[in-house]
Amino acid sequence: MHPDALATATSTGQAAALRGLTHALYAMHLLSWASLGLLSVVAMVINHRKRGALPDRFYRSHFRWQARSFWFTLLGLLVAAPLLLLFVFAGYVAWLVVGLWYLYRFIRGWWAFAEHRPMPMPADS
């Protein structure tokens, strides 16, 4: 096999693997409710470990989108936690809003990824 053909085959295989991994990460985040958030934590560990080896801005935008969605959701849940202790109904409403925002972010991201559209990123990233 010609070296250029081998390099193309390898990069094509790596691209397919990265595409599959990104789909799997979105799926893990969306199914995390079934594992009480454990799947999201596992997805974030993978996300942070792979972030330095991403080939282009498209993948960096999706990995960044997933990470920001996860961390802002966690922050929202922590901020809303005292409401759950003080005002049970208001706490549940706040957690429901945060949960719906989480679903929105991951559905929007996965949909854009499936259509090969990057997610918004700052100009310097």
PDB file of N, CA and C in Angstrom:
ATOM      1  N   MET A   1       0.850  -1.179   0.000  1.00  0.00           N
ATOM      2  CA  MET A   1       0.000   0.000   0.000  1.00  0.00           C
ATOM      3  C   MET A   1       0.893   1.239   0.000  1.00  0.00           C
ATOM      4  N   HIS A   2       0.522   2.215  -0.785  1.00  0.00           N
ATOM      5  CA  HIS A   2       1.263   3.474  -0.890  1.00  0.00           C
ATOM      6  C   HIS A   2       1.176   4.224   0.439  1.00  0.00           C
ATOM      7  N   PRO A   3       2.273   4.862   0.880  1.00  0.00           N
ATOM      8  CA  PRO A   3       2.254   5.565   2.172  1.00  0.00           C
ATOM      9  C   PRO A   3       1.146   6.618   2.281  1.00  0.00           C
ATOM     10  N   ASP A   4       0.871   7.352   1.188  1.00  0.00           N
ATOM     11  CA  ASP A   4      -0.192   8.357   1.237  1.00  0.00           C
ATOM     12  C   ASP A   4      -1.553   7.705   1.426  1.00  0.00           C
ATOM     13  N   ALA A   5      -1.762   6.565   0.764  1.00  0.00           N
ATOM     14  CA  ALA A   5      -3.029   5.848   0.909  1.00  0.00           C
ATOM     15  C   ALA A   5      -3.182   5.328   2.335  1.00  0.00           C
ATOM     16  N   LEU A   6      -2.081   4.855   2.906  1.00  0.00           N
ATOM     17  CA  LEU A   6      -2.109   4.362   4.287  1.00  0.00           C
ATOM     18  C   LEU A   6      -2.430   5.508   5.250  1.00  0.00           C
ATOM     19  N   ALA A   7      -1.812   6.671   5.034  1.00  0.00           N
ATOM     20  CA  ALA A   7      -2.078   7.815   5.900  1.00  0.00           C
ATOM     21  C   ALA A   7      -3.532   8.258   5.787  1.00  0.00           C
ATOM     22  N   THR A   8      -4.073   8.244   4.567  1.00  0.00           N
ATOM     23  CA  THR A   8      -5.467   8.628   4.360  1.00  0.00           C
ATOM     24  C   THR A   8      -6.397   7.632   5.036  1.00  0.00           C
ATOM     25  N   ALA A   9      -6.106   6.343   4.892  1.00  0.00           N
ATOM     26  CA  ALA A   9      -6.934   5.310   5.519  1.00  0.00           C
ATOM     27  C   ALA A   9      -6.889   5.444   7.034  1.00  0.00           C
ATOM     28  N   THR A  10      -5.696   5.716   7.573  1.00  0.00           N
ATOM     29  CA  THR A  10      -5.555   5.882   9.021  1.00  0.00           C
ATOM     30  C   THR A  10      -6.322   7.108   9.497  1.00  0.00           C
ATOM     31  N   SER A  11      -6.182   8.232   8.787  1.00  0.00           N
ATOM     32  CA  SER A  11      -6.879   9.447   9.216  1.00  0.00           C
ATOM     33  C   SER A  11      -8.384   9.299   9.052  1.00  0.00           C
ATOM     34  N   THR A  12      -8.820   8.567   8.031  1.00  0.00           N
ATOM     35  CA  THR A  12     -10.251   8.321   7.853  1.00  0.00           C
ATOM     36  C   THR A  12     -10.779   7.466   8.995  1.00  0.00           C
ATOM     37  N   GLY A  13     -10.012   6.452   9.384  1.00  0.00           N
ATOM     38  CA  GLY A  13     -10.404   5.605  10.509  1.00  0.00           C
ATOM     39  C   GLY A  13     -10.426   6.375  11.816  1.00  0.00           C
ATOM     40  N   GLN A  14      -9.448   7.259  11.995  1.00  0.00           N
ATOM     41  CA  GLN A  14      -9.407   8.076  13.213  1.00  0.00           C
ATOM     42  C   GLN A  14     -10.574   9.055  13.246  1.00  0.00           C
ATOM     43  N   ALA A  15     -10.903   9.623  12.092  1.00  0.00           N
ATOM     44  CA  ALA A  15     -12.036  10.557  12.022  1.00  0.00           C
ATOM     45  C   ALA A  15     -13.336   9.831  12.348  1.00  0.00           C
ATOM     46  N   ALA A  16     -13.503   8.623  11.829  1.00  0.00           N
ATOM     47  CA  ALA A  16     -14.717   7.851  12.113  1.00  0.00           C
ATOM     48  C   ALA A  16     -14.792   7.503  13.597  1.00  0.00           C
ATOM     49  N   ALA A  17     -13.652   7.165  14.185  1.00  0.00           N
ATOM     50  CA  ALA A  17     -13.628   6.834  15.615  1.00  0.00           C
ATOM     51  C   ALA A  17     -13.968   8.061  16.461  1.00  0.00           C
ATOM     52  N   LEU A  18     -13.422   9.211  16.089  1.00  0.00           N
ATOM     53  CA  LEU A  18     -13.709  10.434  16.836  1.00  0.00           C
ATOM     54  C   LEU A  18     -15.170  10.836  16.674  1.00  0.00           C
ATOM     55  N   ARG A  19     -15.712  10.657  15.489  1.00  0.00           N
ATOM     56  CA  ARG A  19     -17.131  10.960  15.262  1.00  0.00           C
ATOM     57  C   ARG A  19     -18.004  10.045  16.137  1.00  0.00           C
ATOM     58  N   GLY A  20     -17.672   8.749  16.154  1.00  0.00           N
ATOM     59  CA  GLY A  20     -18.414   7.806  16.991  1.00  0.00           C
ATOM     60  C   GLY A  20     -18.288   8.136  18.470  1.00  0.00           C
ATOM     61  N   LEU A  21     -17.080   8.532  18.892  1.00  0.00           N
ATOM     62  CA  LEU A  21     -16.868   8.897  20.288  1.00  0.00           C
ATOM     63  C   LEU A  21     -17.714  10.113  20.664  1.00  0.00           C
ATOM     64  N   THR A  22     -17.766  11.104  19.785  1.00  0.00           N
ATOM     65  CA  THR A  22     -18.543  12.307  20.083  1.00  0.00           C
ATOM     66  C   THR A  22     -20.028  11.982  20.184  1.00  0.00           C
ATOM     67  N   HIS A  23     -20.519  11.132  19.294  1.00  0.00           N
ATOM     68  CA  HIS A  23     -21.918  10.681  19.404  1.00  0.00           C
ATOM     69  C   HIS A  23     -22.144   9.966  20.734  1.00  0.00           C
ATOM     70  N   ALA A  24     -21.191   9.110  21.110  1.00  0.00           N
ATOM     71  CA  ALA A  24     -21.319   8.365  22.369  1.00  0.00           C
ATOM     72  C   ALA A  24     -21.325   9.309  23.575  1.00  0.00           C
ATOM     73  N   LEU A  25     -20.500  10.354  23.532  1.00  0.00           N
ATOM     74  CA  LEU A  25     -20.468  11.306  24.646  1.00  0.00           C
ATOM     75  C   LEU A  25     -21.797  12.038  24.771  1.00  0.00           C
ATOM     76  N   TYR A  26     -22.365  12.468  23.643  1.00  0.00           N
ATOM     77  CA  TYR A  26     -23.685  13.106  23.702  1.00  0.00           C
ATOM     78  C   TYR A  26     -24.722  12.131  24.264  1.00  0.00           C
ATOM     79  N   ALA A  27     -24.679  10.885  23.819  1.00  0.00           N
ATOM     80  CA  ALA A  27     -25.634   9.885  24.308  1.00  0.00           C
ATOM     81  C   ALA A  27     -25.474   9.661  25.809  1.00  0.00           C
ATOM     82  N   MET A  28     -24.233   9.596  26.277  1.00  0.00           N
ATOM     83  CA  MET A  28     -23.991   9.387  27.700  1.00  0.00           C
ATOM     84  C   MET A  28     -24.570  10.537  28.528  1.00  0.00           C
ATOM     85  N   HIS A  29     -24.389  11.749  28.028  1.00  0.00           N
ATOM     86  CA  HIS A  29     -24.946  12.894  28.761  1.00  0.00           C
ATOM     87  C   HIS A  29     -26.470  12.830  28.790  1.00  0.00           C
ATOM     88  N   LEU A  30     -27.082  12.482  27.681  1.00  0.00           N
ATOM     89  CA  LEU A  30     -28.545  12.449  27.646  1.00  0.00           C
ATOM     90  C   LEU A  30     -29.129  11.287  28.435  1.00  0.00           C
ATOM     91  N   LEU A  31     -28.377  10.224  28.615  1.00  0.00           N
ATOM     92  CA  LEU A  31     -28.853   9.079  29.392  1.00  0.00           C
ATOM     93  C   LEU A  31     -28.400   9.127  30.850  1.00  0.00           C
ATOM     94  N   SER A  32     -27.753  10.210  31.227  1.00  0.00           N
ATOM     95  CA  SER A  32     -27.181  10.272  32.575  1.00  0.00           C
ATOM     96  C   SER A  32     -28.226  10.219  33.683  1.00  0.00           C
ATOM     97  N   TRP A  33     -29.452  10.624  33.398  1.00  0.00           N
ATOM     98  CA  TRP A  33     -30.505  10.565  34.427  1.00  0.00           C
ATOM     99  C   TRP A  33     -30.704   9.136  34.915  1.00  0.00           C
ATOM    100  N   ALA A  34     -30.499   8.158  34.039  1.00  0.00           N
ATOM    101  CA  ALA A  34     -30.698   6.753  34.412  1.00  0.00           C
ATOM    102  C   ALA A  34     -29.593   6.260  35.353  1.00  0.00           C
ATOM    103  N   SER A  35     -28.462   6.951  35.361  1.00  0.00           N
ATOM    104  CA  SER A  35     -27.350   6.538  36.218  1.00  0.00           C
ATOM    105  C   SER A  35     -27.094   7.548  37.342  1.00  0.00           C
ATOM    106  N   LEU A  36     -28.076   8.417  37.586  1.00  0.00           N
ATOM    107  CA  LEU A  36     -27.951   9.469  38.606  1.00  0.00           C
ATOM    108  C   LEU A  36     -26.733  10.359  38.353  1.00  0.00           C
ATOM    109  N   GLY A  37     -26.430  10.612  37.098  1.00  0.00           N
ATOM    110  CA  GLY A  37     -25.353  11.516  36.718  1.00  0.00           C
ATOM    111  C   GLY A  37     -24.008  10.861  36.484  1.00  0.00           C
ATOM    112  N   LEU A  38     -23.865   9.591  36.803  1.00  0.00           N
ATOM    113  CA  LEU A  38     -22.569   8.925  36.657  1.00  0.00           C
ATOM    114  C   LEU A  38     -22.104   8.908  35.204  1.00  0.00           C
ATOM    115  N   LEU A  39     -23.004   8.682  34.262  1.00  0.00           N
ATOM    116  CA  LEU A  39     -22.612   8.671  32.848  1.00  0.00           C
ATOM    117  C   LEU A  39     -22.078  10.028  32.405  1.00  0.00           C
ATOM    118  N   SER A  40     -22.622  11.100  32.937  1.00  0.00           N
ATOM    119  CA  SER A  40     -22.111  12.434  32.599  1.00  0.00           C
ATOM    120  C   SER A  40     -20.701  12.634  33.149  1.00  0.00           C
ATOM    121  N   VAL A  41     -20.449  12.137  34.334  1.00  0.00           N
ATOM    122  CA  VAL A  41     -19.111  12.258  34.908  1.00  0.00           C
ATOM    123  C   VAL A  41     -18.111  11.477  34.066  1.00  0.00           C
ATOM    124  N   VAL A  42     -18.471  10.263  33.666  1.00  0.00           N
ATOM    125  CA  VAL A  42     -17.594   9.458  32.810  1.00  0.00           C
ATOM    126  C   VAL A  42     -17.368  10.172  31.479  1.00  0.00           C
ATOM    127  N   ALA A  43     -18.427  10.718  30.893  1.00  0.00           N
ATOM    128  CA  ALA A  43     -18.305  11.446  29.634  1.00  0.00           C
ATOM    129  C   ALA A  43     -17.386  12.652  29.787  1.00  0.00           C
ATOM    130  N   MET A  44     -17.452  13.338  30.924  1.00  0.00           N
ATOM    131  CA  MET A  44     -16.602  14.506  31.131  1.00  0.00           C
ATOM    132  C   MET A  44     -15.135  14.114  31.307  1.00  0.00           C
ATOM    133  N   VAL A  45     -14.881  12.998  31.942  1.00  0.00           N
ATOM    134  CA  VAL A  45     -13.494  12.528  32.070  1.00  0.00           C
ATOM    135  C   VAL A  45     -12.925  12.264  30.677  1.00  0.00           C
ATOM    136  N   ILE A  46     -13.684  11.578  29.847  1.00  0.00           N
ATOM    137  CA  ILE A  46     -13.245  11.303  28.472  1.00  0.00           C
ATOM    138  C   ILE A  46     -13.086  12.609  27.710  1.00  0.00           C
ATOM    139  N   ASN A  47     -14.040  13.508  27.856  1.00  0.00           N
ATOM    140  CA  ASN A  47     -14.010  14.801  27.178  1.00  0.00           C
ATOM    141  C   ASN A  47     -12.717  15.544  27.509  1.00  0.00           C
ATOM    142  N   HIS A  48     -12.379  15.639  28.777  1.00  0.00           N
ATOM    143  CA  HIS A  48     -11.188  16.387  29.175  1.00  0.00           C
ATOM    144  C   HIS A  48      -9.902  15.684  28.756  1.00  0.00           C
ATOM    145  N   ARG A  49      -9.898  14.372  28.746  1.00  0.00           N
ATOM    146  CA  ARG A  49      -8.690  13.635  28.340  1.00  0.00           C
ATOM    147  C   ARG A  49      -8.436  13.740  26.845  1.00  0.00           C
ATOM    148  N   LYS A  50      -9.484  13.779  26.039  1.00  0.00           N
ATOM    149  CA  LYS A  50      -9.343  13.823  24.580  1.00  0.00           C
ATOM    150  C   LYS A  50      -9.214  15.239  24.036  1.00  0.00           C
ATOM    151  N   ARG A  51      -9.526  16.226  24.823  1.00  0.00           N
ATOM    152  CA  ARG A  51      -9.599  17.600  24.335  1.00  0.00           C
ATOM    153  C   ARG A  51      -8.317  18.072  23.647  1.00  0.00           C
ATOM    154  N   GLY A  52      -7.164  17.721  24.149  1.00  0.00           N
ATOM    155  CA  GLY A  52      -5.893  18.175  23.567  1.00  0.00           C
ATOM    156  C   GLY A  52      -5.573  17.554  22.215  1.00  0.00           C
ATOM    157  N   ALA A  53      -6.213  16.451  21.863  1.00  0.00           N
ATOM    158  CA  ALA A  53      -5.903  15.750  20.619  1.00  0.00           C
ATOM    159  C   ALA A  53      -6.955  15.953  19.537  1.00  0.00           C
ATOM    160  N   LEU A  54      -7.810  16.934  19.702  1.00  0.00           N
ATOM    161  CA  LEU A  54      -8.869  17.150  18.718  1.00  0.00           C
ATOM    162  C   LEU A  54      -8.296  17.787  17.458  1.00  0.00           C
ATOM    163  N   PRO A  55      -8.716  17.303  16.287  1.00  0.00           N
ATOM    164  CA  PRO A  55      -8.076  17.728  15.043  1.00  0.00           C
ATOM    165  C   PRO A  55      -8.466  19.109  14.530  1.00  0.00           C
ATOM    166  N   ASP A  56      -9.651  19.591  14.875  1.00  0.00           N
ATOM    167  CA  ASP A  56     -10.062  20.865  14.287  1.00  0.00           C
ATOM    168  C   ASP A  56     -11.060  21.604  15.173  1.00  0.00           C
ATOM    169  N   ARG A  57     -11.392  22.806  14.725  1.00  0.00           N
ATOM    170  CA  ARG A  57     -12.292  23.692  15.472  1.00  0.00           C
ATOM    171  C   ARG A  57     -13.684  23.086  15.627  1.00  0.00           C
ATOM    172  N   PHE A  58     -14.140  22.313  14.654  1.00  0.00           N
ATOM    173  CA  PHE A  58     -15.460  21.680  14.715  1.00  0.00           C
ATOM    174  C   PHE A  58     -15.567  20.792  15.950  1.00  0.00           C
ATOM    175  N   TYR A  59     -14.619  19.887  16.134  1.00  0.00           N
ATOM    176  CA  TYR A  59     -14.661  18.993  17.292  1.00  0.00           C
ATOM    177  C   TYR A  59     -14.398  19.753  18.588  1.00  0.00           C
ATOM    178  N   ARG A  60     -13.472  20.718  18.548  1.00  0.00           N
ATOM    179  CA  ARG A  60     -13.216  21.515  19.758  1.00  0.00           C
ATOM    180  C   ARG A  60     -14.485  22.238  20.194  1.00  0.00           C
ATOM    181  N   SER A  61     -15.277  22.728  19.235  1.00  0.00           N
ATOM    182  CA  SER A  61     -16.506  23.443  19.601  1.00  0.00           C
ATOM    183  C   SER A  61     -17.501  22.512  20.287  1.00  0.00           C
ATOM    184  N   HIS A  62     -17.596  21.275  19.831  1.00  0.00           N
ATOM    185  CA  HIS A  62     -18.550  20.344  20.442  1.00  0.00           C
ATOM    186  C   HIS A  62     -18.067  19.853  21.805  1.00  0.00           C
ATOM    187  N   PHE A  63     -16.790  19.596  21.936  1.00  0.00           N
ATOM    188  CA  PHE A  63     -16.274  19.167  23.233  1.00  0.00           C
ATOM    189  C   PHE A  63     -16.389  20.312  24.245  1.00  0.00           C
ATOM    190  N   ARG A  64     -16.144  21.544  23.797  1.00  0.00           N
ATOM    191  CA  ARG A  64     -16.301  22.703  24.676  1.00  0.00           C
ATOM    192  C   ARG A  64     -17.765  22.881  25.062  1.00  0.00           C
ATOM    193  N   TRP A  65     -18.675  22.707  24.103  1.00  0.00           N
ATOM    194  CA  TRP A  65     -20.113  22.831  24.357  1.00  0.00           C
ATOM    195  C   TRP A  65     -20.552  21.830  25.422  1.00  0.00           C
ATOM    196  N   GLN A  66     -20.081  20.583  25.289  1.00  0.00           N
ATOM    197  CA  GLN A  66     -20.440  19.554  26.268  1.00  0.00           C
ATOM    198  C   GLN A  66     -19.897  19.917  27.648  1.00  0.00           C
ATOM    199  N   ALA A  67     -18.652  20.333  27.708  1.00  0.00           N
ATOM    200  CA  ALA A  67     -18.046  20.657  29.001  1.00  0.00           C
ATOM    201  C   ALA A  67     -18.756  21.837  29.664  1.00  0.00           C
ATOM    202  N   ARG A  68     -19.010  22.894  28.916  1.00  0.00           N
ATOM    203  CA  ARG A  68     -19.686  24.062  29.493  1.00  0.00           C
ATOM    204  C   ARG A  68     -21.110  23.713  29.926  1.00  0.00           C
ATOM    205  N   SER A  69     -21.795  22.894  29.126  1.00  0.00           N
ATOM    206  CA  SER A  69     -23.156  22.485  29.505  1.00  0.00           C
ATOM    207  C   SER A  69     -23.137  21.716  30.815  1.00  0.00           C
ATOM    208  N   PHE A  70     -22.189  20.800  30.952  1.00  0.00           N
ATOM    209  CA  PHE A  70     -22.069  20.009  32.177  1.00  0.00           C
ATOM    210  C   PHE A  70     -21.766  20.895  33.384  1.00  0.00           C
ATOM    211  N   TRP A  71     -20.732  21.748  33.280  1.00  0.00           N
ATOM    212  CA  TRP A  71     -20.302  22.534  34.432  1.00  0.00           C
ATOM    213  C   TRP A  71     -21.336  23.583  34.827  1.00  0.00           C
ATOM    214  N   PHE A  72     -21.988  24.215  33.853  1.00  0.00           N
ATOM    215  CA  PHE A  72     -23.020  25.194  34.201  1.00  0.00           C
ATOM    216  C   PHE A  72     -24.254  24.520  34.796  1.00  0.00           C
ATOM    217  N   THR A  73     -24.550  23.303  34.354  1.00  0.00           N
ATOM    218  CA  THR A  73     -25.654  22.563  34.959  1.00  0.00           C
ATOM    219  C   THR A  73     -25.323  22.225  36.407  1.00  0.00           C
ATOM    220  N   LEU A  74     -24.127  21.759  36.633  1.00  0.00           N
ATOM    221  CA  LEU A  74     -23.706  21.447  38.002  1.00  0.00           C
ATOM    222  C   LEU A  74     -23.773  22.696  38.882  1.00  0.00           C
ATOM    223  N   LEU A  75     -23.314  23.819  38.369  1.00  0.00           N
ATOM    224  CA  LEU A  75     -23.400  25.071  39.115  1.00  0.00           C
ATOM    225  C   LEU A  75     -24.864  25.437  39.399  1.00  0.00           C
ATOM    226  N   GLY A  76     -25.722  25.297  38.406  1.00  0.00           N
ATOM    227  CA  GLY A  76     -27.146  25.589  38.601  1.00  0.00           C
ATOM    228  C   GLY A  76     -27.776  24.706  39.660  1.00  0.00           C
ATOM    229  N   LEU A  77     -27.426  23.427  39.657  1.00  0.00           N
ATOM    230  CA  LEU A  77     -27.970  22.507  40.661  1.00  0.00           C
ATOM    231  C   LEU A  77     -27.476  22.862  42.061  1.00  0.00           C
ATOM    232  N   LEU A  78     -26.208  23.256  42.161  1.00  0.00           N
ATOM    233  CA  LEU A  78     -25.664  23.641  43.466  1.00  0.00           C
ATOM    234  C   LEU A  78     -26.302  24.926  43.985  1.00  0.00           C
ATOM    235  N   VAL A  79     -26.525  25.880  43.099  1.00  0.00           N
ATOM    236  CA  VAL A  79     -27.155  27.131  43.506  1.00  0.00           C
ATOM    237  C   VAL A  79     -28.609  26.892  43.921  1.00  0.00           C
ATOM    238  N   ALA A  80     -29.284  25.968  43.226  1.00  0.00           N
ATOM    239  CA  ALA A  80     -30.692  25.692  43.525  1.00  0.00           C
ATOM    240  C   ALA A  80     -30.872  24.749  44.716  1.00  0.00           C
ATOM    241  N   ALA A  81     -29.814  24.091  45.160  1.00  0.00           N
ATOM    242  CA  ALA A  81     -29.926  23.123  46.258  1.00  0.00           C
ATOM    243  C   ALA A  81     -30.490  23.727  47.545  1.00  0.00           C
ATOM    244  N   PRO A  82     -30.063  24.921  47.962  1.00  0.00           N
ATOM    245  CA  PRO A  82     -30.659  25.479  49.183  1.00  0.00           C
ATOM    246  C   PRO A  82     -32.164  25.707  49.066  1.00  0.00           C
ATOM    247  N   LEU A  83     -32.627  26.012  47.856  1.00  0.00           N
ATOM    248  CA  LEU A  83     -34.075  26.167  47.659  1.00  0.00           C
ATOM    249  C   LEU A  83     -34.804  24.875  47.977  1.00  0.00           C
ATOM    250  N   LEU A  84     -34.190  23.769  47.618  1.00  0.00           N
ATOM    251  CA  LEU A  84     -34.806  22.465  47.863  1.00  0.00           C
ATOM    252  C   LEU A  84     -34.967  22.220  49.361  1.00  0.00           C
ATOM    253  N   LEU A  85     -34.018  22.709  50.145  1.00  0.00           N
ATOM    254  CA  LEU A  85     -34.092  22.535  51.597  1.00  0.00           C
ATOM    255  C   LEU A  85     -35.059  23.522  52.255  1.00  0.00           C
ATOM    256  N   LEU A  86     -35.089  24.748  51.736  1.00  0.00           N
ATOM    257  CA  LEU A  86     -35.908  25.785  52.359  1.00  0.00           C
ATOM    258  C   LEU A  86     -37.352  25.793  51.850  1.00  0.00           C
ATOM    259  N   PHE A  87     -37.491  25.700  50.561  1.00  0.00           N
ATOM    260  CA  PHE A  87     -38.809  25.758  49.925  1.00  0.00           C
ATOM    261  C   PHE A  87     -38.889  24.607  48.937  1.00  0.00           C
ATOM    262  N   VAL A  88     -39.428  23.506  49.360  1.00  0.00           N
ATOM    263  CA  VAL A  88     -39.389  22.271  48.577  1.00  0.00           C
ATOM    264  C   VAL A  88     -39.941  22.471  47.174  1.00  0.00           C
ATOM    265  N   PHE A  89     -41.105  23.080  47.052  1.00  0.00           N
ATOM    266  CA  PHE A  89     -41.704  23.250  45.733  1.00  0.00           C
ATOM    267  C   PHE A  89     -40.825  24.119  44.834  1.00  0.00           C
ATOM    268  N   ALA A  90     -40.360  25.239  45.369  1.00  0.00           N
ATOM    269  CA  ALA A  90     -39.493  26.127  44.584  1.00  0.00           C
ATOM    270  C   ALA A  90     -38.196  25.418  44.200  1.00  0.00           C
ATOM    271  N   GLY A  91     -37.680  24.597  45.096  1.00  0.00           N
ATOM    272  CA  GLY A  91     -36.477  23.824  44.793  1.00  0.00           C
ATOM    273  C   GLY A  91     -36.684  22.847  43.664  1.00  0.00           C
ATOM    274  N   TYR A  92     -37.820  22.149  43.684  1.00  0.00           N
ATOM    275  CA  TYR A  92     -38.118  21.226  42.596  1.00  0.00           C
ATOM    276  C   TYR A  92     -38.288  21.953  41.276  1.00  0.00           C
ATOM    277  N   VAL A  93     -38.930  23.106  41.321  1.00  0.00           N
ATOM    278  CA  VAL A  93     -39.109  23.895  40.097  1.00  0.00           C
ATOM    279  C   VAL A  93     -37.747  24.348  39.561  1.00  0.00           C
ATOM    280  N   ALA A  94     -36.885  24.813  40.443  1.00  0.00           N
ATOM    281  CA  ALA A  94     -35.552  25.259  40.024  1.00  0.00           C
ATOM    282  C   ALA A  94     -34.762  24.096  39.425  1.00  0.00           C
ATOM    283  N   TRP A  95     -34.801  22.931  40.063  1.00  0.00           N
ATOM    284  CA  TRP A  95     -34.089  21.771  39.529  1.00  0.00           C
ATOM    285  C   TRP A  95     -34.691  21.326  38.205  1.00  0.00           C
ATOM    286  N   LEU A  96     -36.005  21.430  38.064  1.00  0.00           N
ATOM    287  CA  LEU A  96     -36.653  21.088  36.797  1.00  0.00           C
ATOM    288  C   LEU A  96     -36.190  22.030  35.690  1.00  0.00           C
ATOM    289  N   VAL A  97     -36.112  23.314  35.986  1.00  0.00           N
ATOM    290  CA  VAL A  97     -35.646  24.291  34.996  1.00  0.00           C
ATOM    291  C   VAL A  97     -34.200  23.997  34.594  1.00  0.00           C
ATOM    292  N   VAL A  98     -33.353  23.718  35.561  1.00  0.00           N
ATOM    293  CA  VAL A  98     -31.958  23.392  35.268  1.00  0.00           C
ATOM    294  C   VAL A  98     -31.892  22.106  34.440  1.00  0.00           C
ATOM    295  N   GLY A  99     -32.687  21.124  34.783  1.00  0.00           N
ATOM    296  CA  GLY A  99     -32.708  19.863  34.037  1.00  0.00           C
ATOM    297  C   GLY A  99     -33.185  20.044  32.602  1.00  0.00           C
ATOM    298  N   LEU A 100     -34.196  20.871  32.412  1.00  0.00           N
ATOM    299  CA  LEU A 100     -34.674  21.135  31.052  1.00  0.00           C
ATOM    300  C   LEU A 100     -33.634  21.900  30.240  1.00  0.00           C
ATOM    301  N   TRP A 101     -32.941  22.818  30.883  1.00  0.00           N
ATOM    302  CA  TRP A 101     -31.863  23.545  30.209  1.00  0.00           C
ATOM    303  C   TRP A 101     -30.769  22.573  29.776  1.00  0.00           C
ATOM    304  N   TYR A 102     -30.439  21.634  30.664  1.00  0.00           N
ATOM    305  CA  TYR A 102     -29.433  20.602  30.369  1.00  0.00           C
ATOM    306  C   TYR A 102     -29.857  19.785  29.146  1.00  0.00           C
ATOM    307  N   LEU A 103     -31.097  19.325  29.147  1.00  0.00           N
ATOM    308  CA  LEU A 103     -31.597  18.568  27.992  1.00  0.00           C
ATOM    309  C   LEU A 103     -31.530  19.397  26.717  1.00  0.00           C
ATOM    310  N   TYR A 104     -31.966  20.638  26.801  1.00  0.00           N
ATOM    311  CA  TYR A 104     -31.922  21.527  25.640  1.00  0.00           C
ATOM    312  C   TYR A 104     -30.504  21.638  25.088  1.00  0.00           C
ATOM    313  N   ARG A 105     -29.538  21.874  25.971  1.00  0.00           N
ATOM    314  CA  ARG A 105     -28.154  22.055  25.526  1.00  0.00           C
ATOM    315  C   ARG A 105     -27.617  20.806  24.829  1.00  0.00           C
ATOM    316  N   PHE A 106     -27.876  19.638  25.394  1.00  0.00           N
ATOM    317  CA  PHE A 106     -27.315  18.435  24.794  1.00  0.00           C
ATOM    318  C   PHE A 106     -28.074  18.004  23.543  1.00  0.00           C
ATOM    319  N   ILE A 107     -29.367  18.217  23.502  1.00  0.00           N
ATOM    320  CA  ILE A 107     -30.113  17.911  22.278  1.00  0.00           C
ATOM    321  C   ILE A 107     -29.682  18.858  21.166  1.00  0.00           C
ATOM    322  N   ARG A 108     -29.579  20.152  21.493  1.00  0.00           N
ATOM    323  CA  ARG A 108     -29.140  21.125  20.492  1.00  0.00           C
ATOM    324  C   ARG A 108     -27.743  20.793  19.974  1.00  0.00           C
ATOM    325  N   GLY A 109     -26.827  20.452  20.872  1.00  0.00           N
ATOM    326  CA  GLY A 109     -25.459  20.116  20.479  1.00  0.00           C
ATOM    327  C   GLY A 109     -25.386  18.869  19.623  1.00  0.00           C
ATOM    328  N   TRP A 110     -26.104  17.828  20.036  1.00  0.00           N
ATOM    329  CA  TRP A 110     -26.068  16.566  19.289  1.00  0.00           C
ATOM    330  C   TRP A 110     -26.685  16.748  17.906  1.00  0.00           C
ATOM    331  N   TRP A 111     -27.752  17.514  17.838  1.00  0.00           N
ATOM    332  CA  TRP A 111     -28.407  17.773  16.560  1.00  0.00           C
ATOM    333  C   TRP A 111     -27.439  18.512  15.616  1.00  0.00           C
ATOM    334  N   ALA A 112     -26.789  19.524  16.131  1.00  0.00           N
ATOM    335  CA  ALA A 112     -25.823  20.276  15.323  1.00  0.00           C
ATOM    336  C   ALA A 112     -24.665  19.378  14.893  1.00  0.00           C
ATOM    337  N   PHE A 113     -24.215  18.518  15.790  1.00  0.00           N
ATOM    338  CA  PHE A 113     -23.127  17.599  15.445  1.00  0.00           C
ATOM    339  C   PHE A 113     -23.555  16.655  14.331  1.00  0.00           C
ATOM    340  N   ALA A 114     -24.761  16.141  14.422  1.00  0.00           N
ATOM    341  CA  ALA A 114     -25.257  15.227  13.389  1.00  0.00           C
ATOM    342  C   ALA A 114     -25.357  15.924  12.032  1.00  0.00           C
ATOM    343  N   GLU A 115     -25.621  17.220  12.042  1.00  0.00           N
ATOM    344  CA  GLU A 115     -25.704  17.991  10.801  1.00  0.00           C
ATOM    345  C   GLU A 115     -24.358  18.617  10.426  1.00  0.00           C
ATOM    346  N   HIS A 116     -23.329  18.255  11.131  1.00  0.00           N
ATOM    347  CA  HIS A 116     -21.948  18.725  10.919  1.00  0.00           C
ATOM    348  C   HIS A 116     -21.839  20.246  11.002  1.00  0.00           C
ATOM    349  N   ARG A 117     -22.513  20.816  11.987  1.00  0.00           N
ATOM    350  CA  ARG A 117     -22.428  22.254  12.260  1.00  0.00           C
ATOM    351  C   ARG A 117     -21.661  22.453  13.560  1.00  0.00           C
ATOM    352  N   PRO A 118     -20.694  23.374  13.578  1.00  0.00           N
ATOM    353  CA  PRO A 118     -19.970  23.638  14.825  1.00  0.00           C
ATOM    354  C   PRO A 118     -20.851  24.404  15.801  1.00  0.00           C
ATOM    355  N   MET A 119     -20.495  24.344  17.044  1.00  0.00           N
ATOM    356  CA  MET A 119     -21.192  25.105  18.074  1.00  0.00           C
ATOM    357  C   MET A 119     -20.506  26.460  18.224  1.00  0.00           C
ATOM    358  N   PRO A 120     -21.219  27.464  18.726  1.00  0.00           N
ATOM    359  CA  PRO A 120     -20.607  28.793  18.889  1.00  0.00           C
ATOM    360  C   PRO A 120     -19.409  28.750  19.828  1.00  0.00           C
ATOM    361  N   MET A 121     -18.369  29.466  19.430  1.00  0.00           N
ATOM    362  CA  MET A 121     -17.166  29.578  20.248  1.00  0.00           C
ATOM    363  C   MET A 121     -16.641  30.999  20.173  1.00  0.00           C
ATOM    364  N   PRO A 122     -15.916  31.441  21.199  1.00  0.00           N
ATOM    365  CA  PRO A 122     -15.281  32.766  21.115  1.00  0.00           C
ATOM    366  C   PRO A 122     -14.295  32.802  19.949  1.00  0.00           C
ATOM    367  N   ALA A 123     -14.051  33.977  19.433  1.00  0.00           N
ATOM    368  CA  ALA A 123     -13.172  34.120  18.260  1.00  0.00           C
ATOM    369  C   ALA A 123     -11.736  33.686  18.525  1.00  0.00           C
ATOM    370  N   ASP A 124     -11.252  33.774  19.757  1.00  0.00           N
ATOM    371  CA  ASP A 124      -9.861  33.437  20.057  1.00  0.00           C
ATOM    372  C   ASP A 124      -9.632  31.963  20.337  1.00  0.00           C
ATOM    373  N   SER A 125     -10.670  31.127  20.365  1.00  0.00           N
ATOM    374  CA  SER A 125     -10.511  29.705  20.704  1.00  0.00           C
ATOM    375  C   SER A 125     -10.139  28.872  19.509  1.00  0.00           C
TER     376      SER A 125
END
